[in-house]
Amino acid sequence: MVQPPQTQQSWIRAEESARHGVFVFLILLTLANLDIMARATRKEQENATREWVAWGVVFVLLAFFIIVPEQEQIQARAGTPGR
């Protein structure tokens, strides 16, 4: 089945966006891991892990409930395709 060009382009944009999101996530995860592993003792590493997880939860909630809906609203007003 051949998809209309507009549908195909939206799938391509969605795939590009997903790839970008995964890339950013992996970079942030790597940086957090480097910070945690740079700690001298196991106890410091555990405390750093707790801090990173707490901040991670906050930023995920911000992204899902505030940032993404706002970006979608701006894009819908501008009439530009999402990225």
Protein backbone atom coordinates (compact mmCIF):
# COMPACT_ATOMS: atom_id res chain seq x y z
CA MET A 1 0.00 0.00 0.00
CA VAL A 2 1.42 3.38 -1.00
CA GLN A 3 0.94 6.21 1.47
CA PRO A 4 0.08 9.73 0.37
CA PRO A 5 3.12 12.04 0.33
CA GLN A 6 1.86 14.13 3.25
CA THR A 7 1.43 11.07 5.48
CA GLN A 8 4.81 9.75 4.45
CA GLN A 9 6.45 13.09 5.26
CA SER A 10 4.83 13.20 8.68
CA TRP A 11 6.21 9.70 9.41
CA ILE A 12 9.66 10.83 8.31
CA ARG A 13 9.47 13.90 10.56
CA ALA A 14 8.30 11.77 13.49
CA GLU A 15 11.17 9.33 12.95
CA GLU A 16 13.71 12.17 12.79
CA SER A 17 12.30 13.65 15.96
CA ALA A 18 12.46 10.28 17.74
CA ARG A 19 16.06 9.76 16.67
CA HIS A 20 16.99 13.21 17.92
CA GLY A 21 15.27 12.57 21.25
CA VAL A 22 17.05 9.24 21.73
CA PHE A 23 20.41 10.83 20.87
CA VAL A 24 19.92 13.64 23.40
CA PHE A 25 18.76 11.16 26.04
CA LEU A 26 21.83 8.95 25.54
CA ILE A 27 24.20 11.91 25.76
CA LEU A 28 22.57 13.10 29.00
CA LEU A 29 22.62 9.58 30.41
CA THR A 30 26.32 9.25 29.58
CA LEU A 31 27.14 12.58 31.22
CA ALA A 32 25.18 11.66 34.34
CA ASN A 33 26.99 8.31 34.51
CA LEU A 34 30.38 10.02 34.15
CA ASP A 35 29.47 12.35 37.02
CA ILE A 36 28.34 9.46 39.22
CA MET A 37 31.39 7.29 38.48
CA ALA A 38 33.75 10.20 39.18
CA ARG A 39 32.80 10.10 42.85
CA ALA A 40 35.45 8.65 45.16
CA THR A 41 33.40 6.36 47.39
CA ARG A 42 30.48 4.05 46.89
CA LYS A 43 28.38 6.12 49.29
CA GLU A 44 29.02 9.30 47.28
CA GLN A 45 28.08 7.43 44.10
CA GLU A 46 24.81 6.29 45.65
CA ASN A 47 23.99 9.85 46.79
CA ALA A 48 24.81 11.23 43.33
CA THR A 49 22.57 8.57 41.76
CA ARG A 50 19.68 9.61 44.02
CA GLU A 51 20.18 13.25 43.06
CA TRP A 52 20.29 12.50 39.33
CA VAL A 53 17.15 10.35 39.54
CA ALA A 54 15.29 13.07 41.44
CA TRP A 55 16.23 15.72 38.87
CA GLY A 56 15.45 13.31 36.04
CA VAL A 57 11.92 12.75 37.33
CA VAL A 58 11.36 16.50 37.61
CA PHE A 59 12.54 17.16 34.06
CA VAL A 60 10.55 14.28 32.58
CA LEU A 61 7.39 15.61 34.21
CA LEU A 62 8.16 19.12 32.97
CA ALA A 63 8.75 17.81 29.46
CA PHE A 64 5.55 15.75 29.25
CA PHE A 65 3.13 18.13 30.91
CA ILE A 66 4.48 21.60 30.13
CA ILE A 67 7.16 21.81 27.44
CA VAL A 68 5.81 19.42 24.78
CA PRO A 69 2.19 20.69 24.85
CA GLU A 70 3.44 24.27 24.65
CA GLN A 71 5.65 23.47 21.65
CA GLU A 72 2.79 21.70 19.91
CA GLN A 73 0.52 24.68 20.51
CA ILE A 74 3.11 27.10 19.10
CA GLN A 75 3.62 24.90 16.04
CA ALA A 76 -0.12 24.59 15.47
CA ARG A 77 -0.51 28.38 15.63
CA ALA A 78 2.39 28.91 13.23
CA GLY A 79 1.16 26.19 10.89
CA THR A 80 4.61 24.64 10.69
CA PRO A 81 5.26 20.91 10.86
CA GLY A 82 6.52 19.50 14.16
CA ARG A 83 10.11 18.55 14.65
